[in-house]
């Protein structure tokens, strides 16, 4: 799905034109491909839906004062979308966002908004990948991360380095807590599929606070799989 800012000629479009469907929500206008939703019902999809459902149900059990505190926190901590614009989440969205990450990796969740700031991004990140070991080796700074710090790793792979648009291919790989750099990530092959010679691996790695569920902006690294 693409986000769009309209100019002076067209102020708003709704509905489908050809293969594109135009719409808008609380965060602005968007364009998506007109298609029938696919429900693969994979284990990963079902597990993620279960996490979101659990945290939405938990929101319903909060006290009114707790819900209000999340709404206030959301106003003071906007997210930044793909166009660089700041967007204000609802209190419910913020609660589910933070707690679903923690729930996904079996860490304790919480009912009140984070008292800490969002972590800063990794300073540097590089990686190598090999067919022989079926792994990715991540080298990063700062190292060590900090007490309670986690690497939140998302990634994808492409057949060649000539494919540049990959945002729609990213999948969650793992949340790891290495003591120091480098870190050997063997789950890349498990999640993205067996690594083949010449394939391109792209990872987005964020720093996550294990007590709040907040993650930094991602640092990107790319490499070609070698022998």
C-alpha atoms as a PDB file:
ATOM      1  CA  UNK A   1       0.000   0.000   0.000  1.00  0.00           C
ATOM      2  CA  UNK A   2       1.347   3.420  -0.999  1.00  0.00           C
ATOM      3  CA  UNK A   3       0.659   6.692   0.796  1.00  0.00           C
ATOM      4  CA  UNK A   4       0.048   9.766  -1.327  1.00  0.00           C
ATOM      5  CA  UNK A   5      -0.179  13.557  -0.993  1.00  0.00           C
ATOM      6  CA  UNK A   6      -2.513  15.169  -3.527  1.00  0.00           C
ATOM      7  CA  UNK A   7      -1.704  18.483  -5.194  1.00  0.00           C
ATOM      8  CA  UNK A   8      -3.752  21.419  -6.466  1.00  0.00           C
ATOM      9  CA  UNK A   9      -5.603  19.576  -9.257  1.00  0.00           C
ATOM     10  CA  UNK A  10      -6.975  16.606  -7.294  1.00  0.00           C
ATOM     11  CA  UNK A  11      -7.746  17.066  -3.625  1.00  0.00           C
ATOM     12  CA  UNK A  12      -9.276  13.693  -2.824  1.00  0.00           C
ATOM     13  CA  UNK A  13      -9.982  10.404  -4.618  1.00  0.00           C
ATOM     14  CA  UNK A  14     -12.088   7.531  -3.328  1.00  0.00           C
ATOM     15  CA  UNK A  15     -12.826   4.194  -4.984  1.00  0.00           C
ATOM     16  CA  UNK A  16     -11.072   2.190  -7.678  1.00  0.00           C
ATOM     17  CA  UNK A  17      -9.558   3.275 -10.973  1.00  0.00           C
ATOM     18  CA  UNK A  18      -8.317   0.351 -13.029  1.00  0.00           C
ATOM     19  CA  UNK A  19      -6.221  -1.880 -10.785  1.00  0.00           C
ATOM     20  CA  UNK A  20      -5.713   0.813  -8.102  1.00  0.00           C
ATOM     21  CA  UNK A  21      -7.986   1.518  -5.130  1.00  0.00           C
ATOM     22  CA  UNK A  22      -7.855   4.986  -3.528  1.00  0.00           C
ATOM     23  CA  UNK A  23      -8.873   5.595   0.061  1.00  0.00           C
ATOM     24  CA  UNK A  24      -8.071   7.444   3.257  1.00  0.00           C
ATOM     25  CA  UNK A  25      -7.948   6.847   6.992  1.00  0.00           C
ATOM     26  CA  UNK A  26      -6.974   8.832  10.082  1.00  0.00           C
ATOM     27  CA  UNK A  27      -3.375   8.971   8.847  1.00  0.00           C
ATOM     28  CA  UNK A  28      -4.052  10.379   5.369  1.00  0.00           C
ATOM     29  CA  UNK A  29      -4.616   9.213   1.787  1.00  0.00           C
ATOM     30  CA  UNK A  30      -3.352   5.949   0.345  1.00  0.00           C
ATOM     31  CA  UNK A  31      -3.373   3.895  -2.855  1.00  0.00           C
ATOM     32  CA  UNK A  32      -3.365   0.100  -2.849  1.00  0.00           C
ATOM     33  CA  UNK A  33      -3.610  -2.564  -5.504  1.00  0.00           C
ATOM     34  CA  UNK A  34      -7.162  -3.700  -6.143  1.00  0.00           C
ATOM     35  CA  UNK A  35      -7.244  -7.348  -5.179  1.00  0.00           C
ATOM     36  CA  UNK A  36      -9.082 -10.035  -3.278  1.00  0.00           C
ATOM     37  CA  UNK A  37      -7.429 -10.486   0.144  1.00  0.00           C
ATOM     38  CA  UNK A  38      -5.412 -13.676   0.476  1.00  0.00           C
ATOM     39  CA  UNK A  39      -5.602 -15.629   3.705  1.00  0.00           C
ATOM     40  CA  UNK A  40      -2.711 -18.107   3.718  1.00  0.00           C
ATOM     41  CA  UNK A  41      -3.405 -19.073   7.349  1.00  0.00           C
ATOM     42  CA  UNK A  42       0.251 -19.804   7.979  1.00  0.00           C
ATOM     43  CA  UNK A  43       1.461 -20.478  11.485  1.00  0.00           C
ATOM     44  CA  UNK A  44       3.181 -17.082  11.562  1.00  0.00           C
ATOM     45  CA  UNK A  45       0.026 -15.238  10.469  1.00  0.00           C
ATOM     46  CA  UNK A  46      -2.180 -17.046  12.973  1.00  0.00           C
ATOM     47  CA  UNK A  47       0.299 -16.453  15.813  1.00  0.00           C
ATOM     48  CA  UNK A  48       0.480 -12.727  15.022  1.00  0.00           C
ATOM     49  CA  UNK A  49      -3.297 -12.424  14.921  1.00  0.00           C
ATOM     50  CA  UNK A  50      -3.522 -14.194  18.272  1.00  0.00           C
ATOM     51  CA  UNK A  51      -1.083 -11.693  19.799  1.00  0.00           C
ATOM     52  CA  UNK A  52      -3.021  -8.700  18.461  1.00  0.00           C
ATOM     53  CA  UNK A  53      -6.296 -10.186  19.645  1.00  0.00           C
ATOM     54  CA  UNK A  54      -4.935 -10.796  23.126  1.00  0.00           C
ATOM     55  CA  UNK A  55      -3.646  -7.243  23.502  1.00  0.00           C
ATOM     56  CA  UNK A  56      -6.859  -5.694  22.132  1.00  0.00           C
ATOM     57  CA  UNK A  57      -8.772  -7.680  24.741  1.00  0.00           C
ATOM     58  CA  UNK A  58      -6.328  -6.483  27.417  1.00  0.00           C
ATOM     59  CA  UNK A  59      -7.067  -2.869  26.433  1.00  0.00           C
ATOM     60  CA  UNK A  60     -10.756  -3.451  27.146  1.00  0.00           C
ATOM     61  CA  UNK A  61      -9.851  -4.425  30.719  1.00  0.00           C
ATOM     62  CA  UNK A  62      -7.899  -1.246  31.502  1.00  0.00           C
ATOM     63  CA  UNK A  63      -9.192   1.369  33.932  1.00  0.00           C
ATOM     64  CA  UNK A  64     -10.433   4.652  32.487  1.00  0.00           C
ATOM     65  CA  UNK A  65      -7.460   6.491  34.005  1.00  0.00           C
ATOM     66  CA  UNK A  66      -5.041   4.054  32.342  1.00  0.00           C
ATOM     67  CA  UNK A  67      -6.689   4.527  28.948  1.00  0.00           C
ATOM     68  CA  UNK A  68      -6.478   8.291  29.351  1.00  0.00           C
ATOM     69  CA  UNK A  69      -2.773   8.067  30.205  1.00  0.00           C
ATOM     70  CA  UNK A  70      -2.157   6.132  26.980  1.00  0.00           C
ATOM     71  CA  UNK A  71      -4.037   8.775  24.984  1.00  0.00           C
ATOM     72  CA  UNK A  72      -1.878  11.497  26.530  1.00  0.00           C
ATOM     73  CA  UNK A  73       1.295   9.503  25.851  1.00  0.00           C
ATOM     74  CA  UNK A  74       0.280   9.061  22.210  1.00  0.00           C
ATOM     75  CA  UNK A  75      -0.181  12.808  21.803  1.00  0.00           C
ATOM     76  CA  UNK A  76       3.320  13.412  23.158  1.00  0.00           C
ATOM     77  CA  UNK A  77       4.963  10.574  21.205  1.00  0.00           C
ATOM     78  CA  UNK A  78       3.847  10.690  17.554  1.00  0.00           C
ATOM     79  CA  UNK A  79       5.133   8.123  15.101  1.00  0.00           C
ATOM     80  CA  UNK A  80       6.731   9.064  11.777  1.00  0.00           C
ATOM     81  CA  UNK A  81       5.233   7.527   8.624  1.00  0.00           C
ATOM     82  CA  UNK A  82       6.977   6.586   5.377  1.00  0.00           C
ATOM     83  CA  UNK A  83       6.587  10.146   4.044  1.00  0.00           C
ATOM     84  CA  UNK A  84       8.281  11.612   7.109  1.00  0.00           C
ATOM     85  CA  UNK A  85       5.049  13.039   8.533  1.00  0.00           C
ATOM     86  CA  UNK A  86       4.198  12.774  12.222  1.00  0.00           C
ATOM     87  CA  UNK A  87       1.052  10.814  13.022  1.00  0.00           C
ATOM     88  CA  UNK A  88      -0.796  10.585  16.332  1.00  0.00           C
ATOM     89  CA  UNK A  89      -1.882   7.094  17.348  1.00  0.00           C
ATOM     90  CA  UNK A  90      -4.933   6.486  19.462  1.00  0.00           C
ATOM     91  CA  UNK A  91      -4.305   5.275  22.992  1.00  0.00           C
ATOM     92  CA  UNK A  92      -5.519   1.838  21.969  1.00  0.00           C
ATOM     93  CA  UNK A  93      -3.107   1.707  19.018  1.00  0.00           C
ATOM     94  CA  UNK A  94      -0.150   2.723  21.198  1.00  0.00           C
ATOM     95  CA  UNK A  95      -1.019   0.154  23.875  1.00  0.00           C
ATOM     96  CA  UNK A  96      -1.278  -2.667  21.344  1.00  0.00           C
ATOM     97  CA  UNK A  97       1.874  -1.526  19.485  1.00  0.00           C
ATOM     98  CA  UNK A  98       4.111  -1.673  22.553  1.00  0.00           C
ATOM     99  CA  UNK A  99       2.623  -4.728  24.214  1.00  0.00           C
ATOM    100  CA  UNK A 100       2.255  -6.860  21.083  1.00  0.00           C
ATOM    101  CA  UNK A 101       6.022  -6.699  20.500  1.00  0.00           C
ATOM    102  CA  UNK A 102       6.660  -7.844  24.066  1.00  0.00           C
ATOM    103  CA  UNK A 103       3.971 -10.521  23.867  1.00  0.00           C
ATOM    104  CA  UNK A 104       5.396 -11.803  20.565  1.00  0.00           C
ATOM    105  CA  UNK A 105       8.703 -12.666  22.226  1.00  0.00           C
ATOM    106  CA  UNK A 106       7.225 -13.805  25.563  1.00  0.00           C
ATOM    107  CA  UNK A 107       8.250 -10.788  27.646  1.00  0.00           C
ATOM    108  CA  UNK A 108       6.053  -9.210  30.385  1.00  0.00           C
ATOM    109  CA  UNK A 109       3.481  -6.680  29.158  1.00  0.00           C
ATOM    110  CA  UNK A 110       2.318  -3.580  31.057  1.00  0.00           C
ATOM    111  CA  UNK A 111      -0.794  -1.424  31.571  1.00  0.00           C
ATOM    112  CA  UNK A 112       0.700   2.064  31.876  1.00  0.00           C
ATOM    113  CA  UNK A 113       2.591   4.030  29.187  1.00  0.00           C
ATOM    114  CA  UNK A 114       6.406   3.815  28.953  1.00  0.00           C
ATOM    115  CA  UNK A 115       8.328   6.214  31.158  1.00  0.00           C
ATOM    116  CA  UNK A 116      11.449   5.879  28.998  1.00  0.00           C
ATOM    117  CA  UNK A 117      12.300   7.507  25.691  1.00  0.00           C
ATOM    118  CA  UNK A 118      12.382   5.586  22.420  1.00  0.00           C
ATOM    119  CA  UNK A 119      15.839   3.983  21.891  1.00  0.00           C
ATOM    120  CA  UNK A 120      18.205   5.605  19.428  1.00  0.00           C
ATOM    121  CA  UNK A 121      19.159   3.772  16.237  1.00  0.00           C
ATOM    122  CA  UNK A 122      22.248   1.616  15.858  1.00  0.00           C
ATOM    123  CA  UNK A 123      25.256   3.702  14.872  1.00  0.00           C
ATOM    124  CA  UNK A 124      26.573   1.203  12.311  1.00  0.00           C
ATOM    125  CA  UNK A 125      25.441  -2.131  10.887  1.00  0.00           C
ATOM    126  CA  UNK A 126      26.993  -4.510   8.360  1.00  0.00           C
ATOM    127  CA  UNK A 127      26.405  -8.138   7.504  1.00  0.00           C
ATOM    128  CA  UNK A 128      27.674 -11.127   5.569  1.00  0.00           C
ATOM    129  CA  UNK A 129      25.802 -14.285   4.551  1.00  0.00           C
ATOM    130  CA  UNK A 130      27.094 -17.669   3.432  1.00  0.00           C
ATOM    131  CA  UNK A 131      25.624 -20.729   1.740  1.00  0.00           C
ATOM    132  CA  UNK A 132      27.889 -23.119   3.626  1.00  0.00           C
ATOM    133  CA  UNK A 133      26.733 -22.010   7.080  1.00  0.00           C
ATOM    134  CA  UNK A 134      23.235 -20.829   6.104  1.00  0.00           C
ATOM    135  CA  UNK A 135      23.551 -17.810   8.379  1.00  0.00           C
ATOM    136  CA  UNK A 136      23.985 -14.027   8.514  1.00  0.00           C
ATOM    137  CA  UNK A 137      26.738 -12.463  10.571  1.00  0.00           C
ATOM    138  CA  UNK A 138      25.757  -9.039  11.933  1.00  0.00           C
ATOM    139  CA  UNK A 139      28.394  -6.535  13.026  1.00  0.00           C
ATOM    140  CA  UNK A 140      26.994  -3.493  14.837  1.00  0.00           C
ATOM    141  CA  UNK A 141      27.742  -0.554  17.116  1.00  0.00           C
ATOM    142  CA  UNK A 142      27.282   0.347  19.858  1.00  0.00           C
ATOM    143  CA  UNK A 143      28.393  -2.927  21.365  1.00  0.00           C
ATOM    144  CA  UNK A 144      27.273  -4.102  23.830  1.00  0.00           C
ATOM    145  CA  UNK A 145      23.777  -2.679  23.283  1.00  0.00           C
ATOM    146  CA  UNK A 146      22.840  -1.819  26.889  1.00  0.00           C
ATOM    147  CA  UNK A 147      21.328  -3.702  29.799  1.00  0.00           C
ATOM    148  CA  UNK A 148      17.955  -5.057  28.641  1.00  0.00           C
ATOM    149  CA  UNK A 149      18.630  -4.142  25.013  1.00  0.00           C
ATOM    150  CA  UNK A 150      17.394  -6.326  22.160  1.00  0.00           C
ATOM    151  CA  UNK A 151      18.032  -6.423  18.417  1.00  0.00           C
ATOM    152  CA  UNK A 152      14.661  -6.376  16.619  1.00  0.00           C
ATOM    153  CA  UNK A 153      15.480  -7.947  13.240  1.00  0.00           C
ATOM    154  CA  UNK A 154      13.342  -7.830  10.094  1.00  0.00           C
ATOM    155  CA  UNK A 155      14.497  -8.953   6.696  1.00  0.00           C
ATOM    156  CA  UNK A 156      13.907 -10.177   3.173  1.00  0.00           C
ATOM    157  CA  UNK A 157      15.865 -11.662   0.307  1.00  0.00           C
ATOM    158  CA  UNK A 158      15.795 -11.171  -3.466  1.00  0.00           C
ATOM    159  CA  UNK A 159      17.188 -13.318  -6.304  1.00  0.00           C
ATOM    160  CA  UNK A 160      19.596 -10.560  -7.409  1.00  0.00           C
ATOM    161  CA  UNK A 161      20.890  -7.170  -6.296  1.00  0.00           C
ATOM    162  CA  UNK A 162      18.985  -5.414  -9.102  1.00  0.00           C
ATOM    163  CA  UNK A 163      15.679  -5.443  -7.168  1.00  0.00           C
ATOM    164  CA  UNK A 164      15.586  -2.254  -5.099  1.00  0.00           C
ATOM    165  CA  UNK A 165      11.985  -1.898  -3.878  1.00  0.00           C
ATOM    166  CA  UNK A 166      11.667  -4.447  -1.093  1.00  0.00           C
ATOM    167  CA  UNK A 167       9.503  -2.845   1.627  1.00  0.00           C
ATOM    168  CA  UNK A 168       6.605  -5.175   0.846  1.00  0.00           C
ATOM    169  CA  UNK A 169       8.830  -8.236   1.284  1.00  0.00           C
ATOM    170  CA  UNK A 170      10.022  -7.679   4.855  1.00  0.00           C
ATOM    171  CA  UNK A 171       9.211 -10.225   7.539  1.00  0.00           C
ATOM    172  CA  UNK A 172      10.000 -10.418  11.226  1.00  0.00           C
ATOM    173  CA  UNK A 173      13.056 -12.638  11.737  1.00  0.00           C
ATOM    174  CA  UNK A 174      13.814 -12.585  15.447  1.00  0.00           C
ATOM    175  CA  UNK A 175      14.442 -10.561  18.572  1.00  0.00           C
ATOM    176  CA  UNK A 176      17.940 -11.317  19.844  1.00  0.00           C
ATOM    177  CA  UNK A 177      19.916 -10.176  22.858  1.00  0.00           C
ATOM    178  CA  UNK A 178      23.582 -10.637  21.937  1.00  0.00           C
ATOM    179  CA  UNK A 179      26.138  -9.700  24.560  1.00  0.00           C
ATOM    180  CA  UNK A 180      28.485  -8.185  21.999  1.00  0.00           C
ATOM    181  CA  UNK A 181      28.994  -7.697  18.278  1.00  0.00           C
ATOM    182  CA  UNK A 182      29.198  -9.627  15.977  1.00  0.00           C
ATOM    183  CA  UNK A 183      26.024 -11.702  16.180  1.00  0.00           C
ATOM    184  CA  UNK A 184      25.441 -14.894  14.200  1.00  0.00           C
ATOM    185  CA  UNK A 185      21.804 -14.921  13.032  1.00  0.00           C
ATOM    186  CA  UNK A 186      20.874 -18.432  11.930  1.00  0.00           C
ATOM    187  CA  UNK A 187      17.118 -17.750  11.813  1.00  0.00           C
ATOM    188  CA  UNK A 188      17.369 -15.752   8.579  1.00  0.00           C
ATOM    189  CA  UNK A 189      17.435 -18.981   6.563  1.00  0.00           C
ATOM    190  CA  UNK A 190      14.666 -20.496   8.693  1.00  0.00           C
ATOM    191  CA  UNK A 191      12.313 -17.542   8.168  1.00  0.00           C
ATOM    192  CA  UNK A 192      13.238 -16.361   4.660  1.00  0.00           C
ATOM    193  CA  UNK A 193      14.136 -19.736   3.169  1.00  0.00           C
ATOM    194  CA  UNK A 194      17.343 -21.564   2.317  1.00  0.00           C
ATOM    195  CA  UNK A 195      20.080 -19.140   1.261  1.00  0.00           C
ATOM    196  CA  UNK A 196      21.398 -19.554  -2.299  1.00  0.00           C
ATOM    197  CA  UNK A 197      24.602 -18.288  -3.863  1.00  0.00           C
ATOM    198  CA  UNK A 198      24.188 -14.788  -5.312  1.00  0.00           C
ATOM    199  CA  UNK A 199      20.954 -13.930  -3.520  1.00  0.00           C
ATOM    200  CA  UNK A 200      20.641 -10.507  -1.905  1.00  0.00           C
ATOM    201  CA  UNK A 201      19.879 -10.289   1.839  1.00  0.00           C
ATOM    202  CA  UNK A 202      18.447  -7.052   3.249  1.00  0.00           C
ATOM    203  CA  UNK A 203      17.994  -6.612   6.994  1.00  0.00           C
ATOM    204  CA  UNK A 204      16.428  -3.810   9.022  1.00  0.00           C
ATOM    205  CA  UNK A 205      17.729  -3.933  12.575  1.00  0.00           C
ATOM    206  CA  UNK A 206      16.357  -1.776  15.395  1.00  0.00           C
ATOM    207  CA  UNK A 207      17.266  -1.433  19.035  1.00  0.00           C
ATOM    208  CA  UNK A 208      14.390  -2.507  21.269  1.00  0.00           C
ATOM    209  CA  UNK A 209      13.852  -1.802  24.955  1.00  0.00           C
ATOM    210  CA  UNK A 210      12.742  -5.075  26.540  1.00  0.00           C
ATOM    211  CA  UNK A 211      10.859  -3.232  29.308  1.00  0.00           C
ATOM    212  CA  UNK A 212       8.746  -0.912  27.122  1.00  0.00           C
ATOM    213  CA  UNK A 213       8.414  -2.541  23.711  1.00  0.00           C
ATOM    214  CA  UNK A 214       9.661   0.637  22.041  1.00  0.00           C
ATOM    215  CA  UNK A 215      12.012   0.247  19.072  1.00  0.00           C
ATOM    216  CA  UNK A 216      14.385   2.658  17.374  1.00  0.00           C
ATOM    217  CA  UNK A 217      14.296   3.589  13.694  1.00  0.00           C
ATOM    218  CA  UNK A 218      15.853   0.706  11.747  1.00  0.00           C
ATOM    219  CA  UNK A 219      19.400   0.605  10.425  1.00  0.00           C
ATOM    220  CA  UNK A 220      19.593  -1.141   7.042  1.00  0.00           C
ATOM    221  CA  UNK A 221      22.321  -3.436   5.776  1.00  0.00           C
ATOM    222  CA  UNK A 222      22.573  -5.444   2.533  1.00  0.00           C
ATOM    223  CA  UNK A 223      24.855  -8.188   1.343  1.00  0.00           C
ATOM    224  CA  UNK A 224      25.155 -10.824  -1.374  1.00  0.00           C
ATOM    225  CA  UNK A 225      25.218 -14.463  -0.265  1.00  0.00           C
ATOM    226  CA  UNK A 226      28.650 -15.982  -0.823  1.00  0.00           C
ATOM    227  CA  UNK A 227      29.902 -19.543  -0.796  1.00  0.00           C
END
